[in-house]
N, C-alpha and C. Protein backbone atom coordinates (compact mmCIF):
# COMPACT_ATOMS: atom_id res chain seq x y z
N MET A 1 117.42 53.38 141.43
CA MET A 1 117.23 53.86 140.08
C MET A 1 117.39 55.37 140.06
N SER A 2 118.17 55.86 139.14
CA SER A 2 118.45 57.29 139.11
C SER A 2 117.43 58.02 138.23
N ASP A 3 117.51 59.35 138.23
CA ASP A 3 116.59 60.17 137.45
C ASP A 3 116.79 59.97 135.94
N THR A 4 118.02 59.75 135.53
CA THR A 4 118.28 59.57 134.09
C THR A 4 117.71 58.24 133.60
N ASP A 5 117.73 57.21 134.47
CA ASP A 5 117.14 55.93 134.08
C ASP A 5 115.62 56.05 133.93
N THR A 6 115.01 56.83 134.83
CA THR A 6 113.57 57.02 134.79
C THR A 6 113.16 57.76 133.52
N VAL A 7 113.90 58.81 133.17
CA VAL A 7 113.61 59.59 131.98
C VAL A 7 113.78 58.74 130.73
N SER A 8 114.85 57.94 130.70
CA SER A 8 115.08 57.11 129.51
C SER A 8 114.03 56.01 129.39
N SER A 9 113.56 55.47 130.53
CA SER A 9 112.53 54.43 130.46
C SER A 9 111.19 55.03 130.00
N LEU A 10 110.92 56.27 130.40
CA LEU A 10 109.71 56.94 129.93
C LEU A 10 109.78 57.20 128.43
N ALA A 11 110.95 57.58 127.94
CA ALA A 11 111.13 57.81 126.51
C ALA A 11 110.97 56.50 125.75
N ASP A 12 111.52 55.42 126.31
CA ASP A 12 111.36 54.11 125.67
C ASP A 12 109.89 53.71 125.63
N LEU A 13 109.17 54.01 126.69
CA LEU A 13 107.75 53.66 126.76
C LEU A 13 106.95 54.43 125.70
N LYS A 14 107.27 55.71 125.51
CA LYS A 14 106.58 56.50 124.49
C LYS A 14 106.88 55.96 123.10
N ASP A 15 108.15 55.59 122.88
CA ASP A 15 108.52 55.02 121.57
C ASP A 15 107.78 53.71 121.33
N LEU A 16 107.64 52.93 122.38
CA LEU A 16 106.98 51.63 122.26
C LEU A 16 105.49 51.79 121.92
N THR A 17 104.82 52.74 122.60
CA THR A 17 103.40 52.95 122.32
C THR A 17 103.19 53.51 120.91
N SER A 18 104.07 54.41 120.47
CA SER A 18 103.92 54.96 119.12
C SER A 18 104.19 53.88 118.08
N ALA A 19 105.13 52.98 118.34
CA ALA A 19 105.42 51.89 117.41
C ALA A 19 104.25 50.91 117.35
N ALA A 20 103.64 50.65 118.49
CA ALA A 20 102.49 49.74 118.53
C ALA A 20 101.31 50.35 117.80
N ALA A 21 101.10 51.65 117.96
CA ALA A 21 99.99 52.32 117.27
C ALA A 21 100.21 52.32 115.76
N ALA A 22 101.45 52.47 115.33
CA ALA A 22 101.75 52.46 113.90
C ALA A 22 101.61 51.05 113.32
N ALA A 23 101.93 50.05 114.11
CA ALA A 23 101.88 48.67 113.62
C ALA A 23 100.45 48.12 113.60
N ALA A 24 99.59 48.64 114.44
CA ALA A 24 98.22 48.11 114.53
C ALA A 24 97.43 48.30 113.24
N PRO A 25 97.40 49.49 112.62
CA PRO A 25 96.65 49.61 111.37
C PRO A 25 97.27 48.78 110.25
N ALA A 26 98.61 48.66 110.25
CA ALA A 26 99.27 47.89 109.21
C ALA A 26 98.89 46.41 109.31
N ALA A 27 98.73 45.92 110.52
CA ALA A 27 98.39 44.52 110.71
C ALA A 27 96.98 44.23 110.19
N THR A 28 96.07 45.16 110.37
CA THR A 28 94.70 44.92 109.92
C THR A 28 94.59 45.04 108.40
N THR A 29 95.43 45.86 107.77
CA THR A 29 95.35 45.99 106.33
C THR A 29 96.06 44.85 105.62
N GLU A 30 97.06 44.26 106.26
CA GLU A 30 97.82 43.19 105.63
C GLU A 30 96.99 41.91 105.52
N ALA A 31 96.42 41.47 106.63
CA ALA A 31 95.69 40.21 106.65
C ALA A 31 94.21 40.48 106.88
N PRO A 32 93.40 40.37 105.82
CA PRO A 32 91.96 40.59 106.04
C PRO A 32 91.38 39.45 106.86
N ARG A 33 90.70 39.81 107.94
CA ARG A 33 90.11 38.81 108.82
C ARG A 33 88.66 38.57 108.42
N ALA A 34 88.17 37.43 108.86
CA ALA A 34 86.77 37.11 108.59
C ALA A 34 85.89 38.09 109.36
N PRO A 35 84.77 38.50 108.79
CA PRO A 35 83.90 39.44 109.50
C PRO A 35 83.39 38.80 110.79
N SER A 36 83.45 39.58 111.85
CA SER A 36 83.02 39.04 113.15
C SER A 36 81.49 38.98 113.19
N ALA A 37 81.00 37.99 113.91
CA ALA A 37 79.55 37.81 114.03
C ALA A 37 78.97 38.91 114.91
N PRO A 38 77.76 39.37 114.64
CA PRO A 38 77.15 40.38 115.50
C PRO A 38 76.93 39.81 116.90
N ALA A 39 76.82 40.70 117.86
CA ALA A 39 76.67 40.28 119.25
C ALA A 39 75.43 39.41 119.44
N ALA A 40 74.30 39.83 118.89
CA ALA A 40 73.08 39.04 118.97
C ALA A 40 72.71 38.59 117.56
N PRO A 41 72.52 37.30 117.36
CA PRO A 41 72.18 36.85 116.01
C PRO A 41 70.83 37.42 115.57
N LEU A 42 70.84 38.16 114.49
CA LEU A 42 69.62 38.79 114.00
C LEU A 42 68.81 37.76 113.23
N ARG A 43 67.57 37.63 113.60
CA ARG A 43 66.70 36.65 112.96
C ARG A 43 66.09 37.24 111.69
N GLU A 44 65.54 36.37 110.89
CA GLU A 44 64.92 36.81 109.65
C GLU A 44 63.50 37.27 109.92
N ARG A 45 63.08 38.28 109.19
CA ARG A 45 61.73 38.83 109.34
C ARG A 45 60.71 37.86 108.74
N GLU A 46 59.65 37.54 109.49
CA GLU A 46 58.63 36.60 109.02
C GLU A 46 57.33 37.35 108.78
N VAL A 47 57.01 37.56 107.50
CA VAL A 47 55.81 38.30 107.12
C VAL A 47 55.10 37.53 106.00
N ASP A 48 53.76 37.47 106.06
CA ASP A 48 53.01 36.75 105.03
C ASP A 48 52.73 37.66 103.82
N ALA A 49 51.94 37.17 102.88
CA ALA A 49 51.67 37.92 101.64
C ALA A 49 50.90 39.22 101.89
N GLN A 50 50.10 39.27 102.96
CA GLN A 50 49.34 40.49 103.27
C GLN A 50 50.15 41.48 104.12
N GLY A 51 51.40 41.19 104.40
CA GLY A 51 52.23 42.08 105.20
C GLY A 51 52.01 41.94 106.69
N ARG A 52 51.45 40.80 107.11
CA ARG A 52 51.17 40.57 108.53
C ARG A 52 52.17 39.57 109.10
N SER A 53 52.31 39.63 110.39
CA SER A 53 53.14 38.66 111.10
C SER A 53 52.23 37.88 112.04
N TYR A 54 52.39 36.53 112.08
CA TYR A 54 51.49 35.67 112.85
C TYR A 54 52.24 35.00 113.98
N ALA A 55 51.54 34.83 115.11
CA ALA A 55 52.10 34.08 116.24
C ALA A 55 50.96 33.52 117.08
N THR A 56 51.29 32.48 117.84
CA THR A 56 50.34 31.87 118.76
C THR A 56 50.78 32.18 120.17
N GLY A 57 49.84 32.62 120.99
CA GLY A 57 50.13 32.90 122.39
C GLY A 57 49.31 31.98 123.29
N ARG A 58 49.90 31.57 124.41
CA ARG A 58 49.20 30.68 125.34
C ARG A 58 49.38 31.16 126.77
N ARG A 59 48.32 30.95 127.57
CA ARG A 59 48.36 31.26 128.99
C ARG A 59 47.24 30.49 129.66
N LYS A 60 47.54 29.74 130.71
CA LYS A 60 46.57 28.87 131.39
C LYS A 60 45.92 27.96 130.35
N ASP A 61 44.61 27.98 130.20
CA ASP A 61 43.94 27.15 129.20
C ASP A 61 43.60 27.93 127.94
N ALA A 62 44.01 29.17 127.85
CA ALA A 62 43.65 30.02 126.71
C ALA A 62 44.71 29.94 125.62
N VAL A 63 44.24 29.94 124.38
CA VAL A 63 45.12 29.94 123.21
C VAL A 63 44.69 31.08 122.30
N ALA A 64 45.64 31.93 121.93
CA ALA A 64 45.34 33.09 121.08
C ALA A 64 46.12 32.99 119.79
N ARG A 65 45.42 33.20 118.67
CA ARG A 65 46.07 33.33 117.36
C ARG A 65 46.10 34.82 117.05
N VAL A 66 47.31 35.36 116.82
CA VAL A 66 47.49 36.81 116.71
C VAL A 66 48.17 37.17 115.39
N TRP A 67 47.60 38.16 114.68
CA TRP A 67 48.21 38.73 113.49
C TRP A 67 48.43 40.21 113.75
N ILE A 68 49.63 40.71 113.44
CA ILE A 68 49.89 42.15 113.55
C ILE A 68 50.37 42.68 112.21
N LYS A 69 50.01 43.95 111.95
CA LYS A 69 50.48 44.63 110.74
C LYS A 69 50.55 46.12 111.06
N PRO A 70 51.35 46.87 110.34
CA PRO A 70 51.44 48.31 110.60
C PRO A 70 50.08 48.97 110.42
N GLY A 71 49.77 49.88 111.33
CA GLY A 71 48.48 50.55 111.25
C GLY A 71 48.35 51.63 112.30
N SER A 72 47.11 51.85 112.75
CA SER A 72 46.80 52.95 113.67
C SER A 72 46.75 52.54 115.13
N GLY A 73 46.95 51.27 115.45
CA GLY A 73 46.92 50.83 116.84
C GLY A 73 45.61 50.19 117.25
N LYS A 74 44.77 49.80 116.28
CA LYS A 74 43.48 49.19 116.60
C LYS A 74 43.69 47.72 116.95
N ILE A 75 43.11 47.30 118.08
CA ILE A 75 43.22 45.91 118.53
C ILE A 75 41.83 45.29 118.50
N THR A 76 41.68 44.21 117.74
CA THR A 76 40.42 43.50 117.60
C THR A 76 40.58 42.09 118.14
N VAL A 77 39.70 41.71 119.08
CA VAL A 77 39.75 40.37 119.67
C VAL A 77 38.42 39.68 119.40
N ASN A 78 38.45 38.55 118.73
CA ASN A 78 37.26 37.78 118.37
C ASN A 78 36.22 38.64 117.66
N GLY A 79 36.66 39.52 116.78
CA GLY A 79 35.76 40.36 116.00
C GLY A 79 35.23 41.57 116.73
N ARG A 80 35.62 41.76 117.98
CA ARG A 80 35.16 42.92 118.75
C ARG A 80 36.34 43.78 119.14
N ASP A 81 36.06 45.07 119.40
CA ASP A 81 37.11 45.98 119.83
C ASP A 81 37.62 45.57 121.21
N GLN A 82 38.86 45.89 121.52
CA GLN A 82 39.43 45.46 122.81
C GLN A 82 38.69 46.07 124.00
N GLU A 83 38.15 47.29 123.87
CA GLU A 83 37.42 47.89 124.99
C GLU A 83 36.13 47.13 125.29
N VAL A 84 35.55 46.51 124.27
CA VAL A 84 34.32 45.75 124.46
C VAL A 84 34.63 44.36 125.00
N TYR A 85 35.63 43.70 124.42
CA TYR A 85 35.93 42.32 124.81
C TYR A 85 36.58 42.27 126.19
N PHE A 86 37.58 43.12 126.42
CA PHE A 86 38.24 43.19 127.72
C PHE A 86 37.79 44.48 128.40
N ALA A 87 36.71 44.39 129.16
CA ALA A 87 36.11 45.58 129.77
C ALA A 87 36.99 46.15 130.89
N ARG A 88 37.70 45.29 131.60
CA ARG A 88 38.55 45.76 132.70
C ARG A 88 39.79 46.47 132.16
N PRO A 89 40.10 47.65 132.70
CA PRO A 89 41.28 48.39 132.22
C PRO A 89 42.59 47.63 132.46
N THR A 90 42.66 46.82 133.52
CA THR A 90 43.89 46.08 133.79
C THR A 90 44.19 45.07 132.68
N LEU A 91 43.15 44.47 132.13
CA LEU A 91 43.36 43.51 131.05
C LEU A 91 43.83 44.20 129.78
N ARG A 92 43.29 45.39 129.51
CA ARG A 92 43.75 46.16 128.35
C ARG A 92 45.19 46.61 128.54
N LEU A 93 45.54 46.93 129.80
CA LEU A 93 46.91 47.32 130.12
C LEU A 93 47.87 46.16 129.85
N VAL A 94 47.45 44.95 130.21
CA VAL A 94 48.27 43.75 129.98
C VAL A 94 48.52 43.56 128.49
N ILE A 95 47.49 43.74 127.68
CA ILE A 95 47.61 43.53 126.23
C ILE A 95 48.56 44.54 125.60
N ASN A 96 48.57 45.78 126.10
CA ASN A 96 49.38 46.83 125.49
C ASN A 96 50.83 46.85 125.99
N GLN A 97 51.17 46.03 126.97
CA GLN A 97 52.53 46.04 127.53
C GLN A 97 53.63 45.80 126.49
N PRO A 98 53.50 44.83 125.59
CA PRO A 98 54.60 44.62 124.62
C PRO A 98 54.88 45.84 123.75
N PHE A 99 53.84 46.59 123.38
CA PHE A 99 54.04 47.77 122.56
C PHE A 99 54.73 48.88 123.35
N GLU A 100 54.40 49.01 124.63
CA GLU A 100 55.01 50.04 125.46
C GLU A 100 56.48 49.74 125.70
N VAL A 101 56.81 48.47 125.92
CA VAL A 101 58.20 48.09 126.15
C VAL A 101 59.03 48.34 124.89
N ALA A 102 58.46 48.08 123.73
CA ALA A 102 59.17 48.25 122.46
C ALA A 102 59.05 49.66 121.88
N ASP A 103 58.37 50.56 122.57
CA ASP A 103 58.12 51.93 122.10
C ASP A 103 57.43 51.94 120.74
N ARG A 104 56.41 51.12 120.59
CA ARG A 104 55.66 51.04 119.35
C ARG A 104 54.16 51.23 119.59
N SER A 105 53.79 52.00 120.60
CA SER A 105 52.37 52.22 120.91
C SER A 105 51.67 52.92 119.76
N GLY A 106 50.53 52.36 119.32
CA GLY A 106 49.73 52.96 118.27
C GLY A 106 50.29 52.80 116.87
N GLN A 107 51.27 51.91 116.67
CA GLN A 107 51.87 51.75 115.35
C GLN A 107 51.44 50.46 114.65
N TYR A 108 50.81 49.55 115.39
CA TYR A 108 50.43 48.26 114.79
C TYR A 108 48.96 47.96 115.05
N ASP A 109 48.29 47.40 114.04
CA ASP A 109 46.95 46.88 114.20
C ASP A 109 47.05 45.41 114.56
N VAL A 110 46.20 44.97 115.49
CA VAL A 110 46.23 43.59 115.97
C VAL A 110 44.87 42.95 115.73
N VAL A 111 44.88 41.76 115.15
CA VAL A 111 43.67 40.94 115.02
C VAL A 111 43.96 39.64 115.74
N ALA A 112 43.13 39.30 116.74
CA ALA A 112 43.37 38.10 117.53
C ALA A 112 42.08 37.30 117.67
N THR A 113 42.23 35.99 117.67
CA THR A 113 41.12 35.10 118.01
C THR A 113 41.58 34.27 119.20
N VAL A 114 40.74 34.23 120.23
CA VAL A 114 41.10 33.57 121.48
C VAL A 114 40.06 32.52 121.81
N LYS A 115 40.53 31.37 122.30
CA LYS A 115 39.64 30.31 122.75
C LYS A 115 40.15 29.77 124.08
N GLY A 116 39.20 29.34 124.90
CA GLY A 116 39.55 28.66 126.15
C GLY A 116 39.89 29.60 127.28
N GLY A 117 39.79 29.08 128.50
CA GLY A 117 40.17 29.85 129.68
C GLY A 117 39.23 30.98 130.01
N GLY A 118 39.62 31.79 130.96
CA GLY A 118 38.84 32.96 131.36
C GLY A 118 39.44 34.22 130.76
N LEU A 119 38.91 35.36 131.14
CA LEU A 119 39.36 36.62 130.56
C LEU A 119 40.81 36.93 130.90
N SER A 120 41.22 36.64 132.14
CA SER A 120 42.60 36.92 132.53
C SER A 120 43.58 36.06 131.73
N GLY A 121 43.28 34.78 131.59
CA GLY A 121 44.13 33.90 130.80
C GLY A 121 44.14 34.29 129.33
N GLN A 122 42.99 34.73 128.83
CA GLN A 122 42.93 35.15 127.43
C GLN A 122 43.75 36.41 127.19
N ALA A 123 43.71 37.34 128.14
CA ALA A 123 44.51 38.56 128.00
C ALA A 123 46.00 38.22 128.02
N GLY A 124 46.39 37.29 128.89
CA GLY A 124 47.79 36.86 128.93
C GLY A 124 48.20 36.16 127.64
N ALA A 125 47.27 35.37 127.07
CA ALA A 125 47.56 34.68 125.80
C ALA A 125 47.73 35.67 124.66
N VAL A 126 46.88 36.69 124.62
CA VAL A 126 46.99 37.72 123.58
C VAL A 126 48.30 38.48 123.74
N LYS A 127 48.69 38.79 124.97
CA LYS A 127 49.96 39.48 125.23
C LYS A 127 51.13 38.64 124.74
N HIS A 128 51.09 37.35 125.04
CA HIS A 128 52.15 36.44 124.60
C HIS A 128 52.21 36.38 123.07
N GLY A 129 51.04 36.30 122.42
CA GLY A 129 51.00 36.26 120.97
C GLY A 129 51.49 37.55 120.32
N ILE A 130 51.11 38.69 120.90
CA ILE A 130 51.57 39.98 120.37
C ILE A 130 53.08 40.08 120.48
N SER A 131 53.62 39.64 121.61
CA SER A 131 55.07 39.70 121.81
C SER A 131 55.79 38.85 120.78
N GLN A 132 55.29 37.63 120.56
CA GLN A 132 55.91 36.74 119.58
C GLN A 132 55.82 37.33 118.17
N ALA A 133 54.64 37.84 117.80
CA ALA A 133 54.45 38.40 116.46
C ALA A 133 55.29 39.65 116.26
N LEU A 134 55.42 40.47 117.30
CA LEU A 134 56.21 41.70 117.20
C LEU A 134 57.69 41.36 116.98
N SER A 135 58.17 40.32 117.66
CA SER A 135 59.57 39.94 117.46
C SER A 135 59.78 39.30 116.09
N LYS A 136 58.73 38.73 115.50
CA LYS A 136 58.86 38.19 114.14
C LYS A 136 58.79 39.31 113.10
N PHE A 137 57.97 40.34 113.37
CA PHE A 137 57.83 41.44 112.42
C PHE A 137 59.07 42.32 112.43
N GLU A 138 59.56 42.65 113.64
CA GLU A 138 60.78 43.46 113.80
C GLU A 138 61.76 42.68 114.66
N PRO A 139 62.65 41.88 114.06
CA PRO A 139 63.58 41.07 114.85
C PRO A 139 64.49 41.89 115.78
N ALA A 140 64.70 43.16 115.48
CA ALA A 140 65.55 43.99 116.33
C ALA A 140 64.91 44.24 117.70
N LEU A 141 63.59 44.12 117.79
CA LEU A 141 62.89 44.36 119.06
C LEU A 141 62.91 43.14 119.97
N ARG A 142 63.38 42.01 119.48
CA ARG A 142 63.33 40.77 120.26
C ARG A 142 64.04 40.90 121.61
N GLY A 143 65.17 41.58 121.63
CA GLY A 143 65.93 41.72 122.88
C GLY A 143 65.14 42.47 123.95
N ALA A 144 64.50 43.56 123.56
CA ALA A 144 63.73 44.35 124.53
C ALA A 144 62.53 43.58 125.04
N VAL A 145 61.84 42.88 124.14
CA VAL A 145 60.64 42.13 124.53
C VAL A 145 61.03 40.92 125.39
N LYS A 146 62.14 40.30 125.04
CA LYS A 146 62.60 39.13 125.80
C LYS A 146 63.08 39.54 127.18
N ALA A 147 63.76 40.69 127.27
CA ALA A 147 64.24 41.16 128.56
C ALA A 147 63.08 41.45 129.51
N ALA A 148 61.95 41.86 128.96
CA ALA A 148 60.76 42.11 129.79
C ALA A 148 60.07 40.82 130.20
N GLY A 149 60.46 39.69 129.57
CA GLY A 149 59.91 38.39 129.93
C GLY A 149 58.61 38.05 129.24
N PHE A 150 58.32 38.71 128.11
CA PHE A 150 57.05 38.49 127.43
C PHE A 150 57.08 37.34 126.43
N LEU A 151 58.27 36.85 126.07
CA LEU A 151 58.34 35.76 125.09
C LEU A 151 58.25 34.39 125.75
N THR A 152 58.39 34.35 127.06
CA THR A 152 58.33 33.08 127.78
C THR A 152 56.88 32.75 128.10
N ARG A 153 56.47 31.54 127.79
CA ARG A 153 55.12 31.10 128.11
C ARG A 153 55.05 30.80 129.59
N ASP A 154 54.08 31.37 130.28
CA ASP A 154 53.91 31.13 131.71
C ASP A 154 53.38 29.71 131.89
N PRO A 155 54.15 28.81 132.49
CA PRO A 155 53.75 27.40 132.53
C PRO A 155 52.71 27.07 133.59
N ARG A 156 52.36 28.04 134.42
CA ARG A 156 51.43 27.74 135.53
C ARG A 156 50.02 27.47 135.00
N VAL A 157 49.46 26.34 135.42
CA VAL A 157 48.09 25.98 135.06
C VAL A 157 47.36 25.53 136.31
N VAL A 158 46.05 25.45 136.22
CA VAL A 158 45.24 25.05 137.37
C VAL A 158 45.48 23.57 137.65
N GLU A 159 45.66 23.26 138.92
CA GLU A 159 45.88 21.87 139.32
C GLU A 159 44.57 21.09 139.21
N ARG A 160 44.66 19.84 138.79
CA ARG A 160 43.46 19.05 138.57
C ARG A 160 42.82 18.62 139.88
N LYS A 161 41.51 18.39 139.84
CA LYS A 161 40.78 17.92 141.01
C LYS A 161 41.07 16.43 141.22
N LYS A 162 41.31 16.07 142.49
CA LYS A 162 41.60 14.68 142.81
C LYS A 162 40.36 13.97 143.34
N TYR A 163 40.36 12.66 143.18
CA TYR A 163 39.27 11.82 143.66
C TYR A 163 39.22 11.89 145.19
N GLY A 164 38.00 12.03 145.75
CA GLY A 164 37.83 12.07 147.20
C GLY A 164 38.10 13.44 147.81
N LYS A 165 38.32 14.44 146.99
CA LYS A 165 38.57 15.80 147.48
C LYS A 165 37.50 16.73 146.91
N ALA A 166 37.24 17.83 147.63
CA ALA A 166 36.26 18.80 147.18
C ALA A 166 36.79 19.58 145.97
N LYS A 167 38.08 19.93 146.04
CA LYS A 167 38.75 20.61 144.92
C LYS A 167 40.09 19.91 144.72
N ALA A 168 41.10 20.61 144.26
CA ALA A 168 42.39 19.96 144.01
C ALA A 168 43.01 19.44 145.31
N ARG A 169 42.93 20.23 146.37
CA ARG A 169 43.52 19.82 147.65
C ARG A 169 42.56 19.93 148.83
N LYS A 170 41.48 20.67 148.67
CA LYS A 170 40.55 20.90 149.77
C LYS A 170 39.76 19.62 150.08
N SER A 171 39.71 19.28 151.37
CA SER A 171 38.96 18.10 151.78
C SER A 171 37.53 18.48 152.16
N PHE A 172 36.67 17.48 152.18
CA PHE A 172 35.31 17.72 152.65
C PHE A 172 35.37 17.94 154.16
N GLN A 173 34.31 18.56 154.71
CA GLN A 173 34.31 18.85 156.14
C GLN A 173 34.36 17.57 156.94
N PHE A 174 35.23 17.57 157.95
CA PHE A 174 35.42 16.38 158.78
C PHE A 174 34.36 16.37 159.90
N SER A 175 33.76 15.20 160.12
CA SER A 175 32.78 15.06 161.20
C SER A 175 33.28 14.00 162.18
N LYS A 176 33.45 14.42 163.42
CA LYS A 176 33.98 13.49 164.43
C LYS A 176 32.95 12.44 164.78
N ARG A 177 31.66 12.80 164.87
CA ARG A 177 30.61 11.84 165.24
C ARG A 177 29.56 11.77 164.17
């Protein structure tokens, strides 16, 4: 291939790209296409008459009913403040995780009622409920909360005690004689 062929092929290539660029806008204006769907389907906002969003959270044997609404960040569990109900700082940290992931710390008031299980399971249930309610109040936050794994219910529960055993699997002490 000679130098003149190379120069002419480069000129042809430039003409081709400029023709394609000129044809591309014309093609979009001629035939209107259907609007493309957004990458993530945006859900509808679920809010009650009082401006609250409701969700149920579960963990182990605990079930939490959670309502969130815009406010100062006050969290009330079973009629008591979260510092009183969940005395351990780790449990309070667990409850506040969904707000930290979504960058909404101190922007929502939470009212929760919890039944069943122990304190750790109840804290996990409240966290699950807050995550669900937050994604219902602001559907745009669902991706961030889901990526953190807060919308999935943890299926692990305590194994039941079996007949003839001390606990679920532990046997009574064996005596040879």
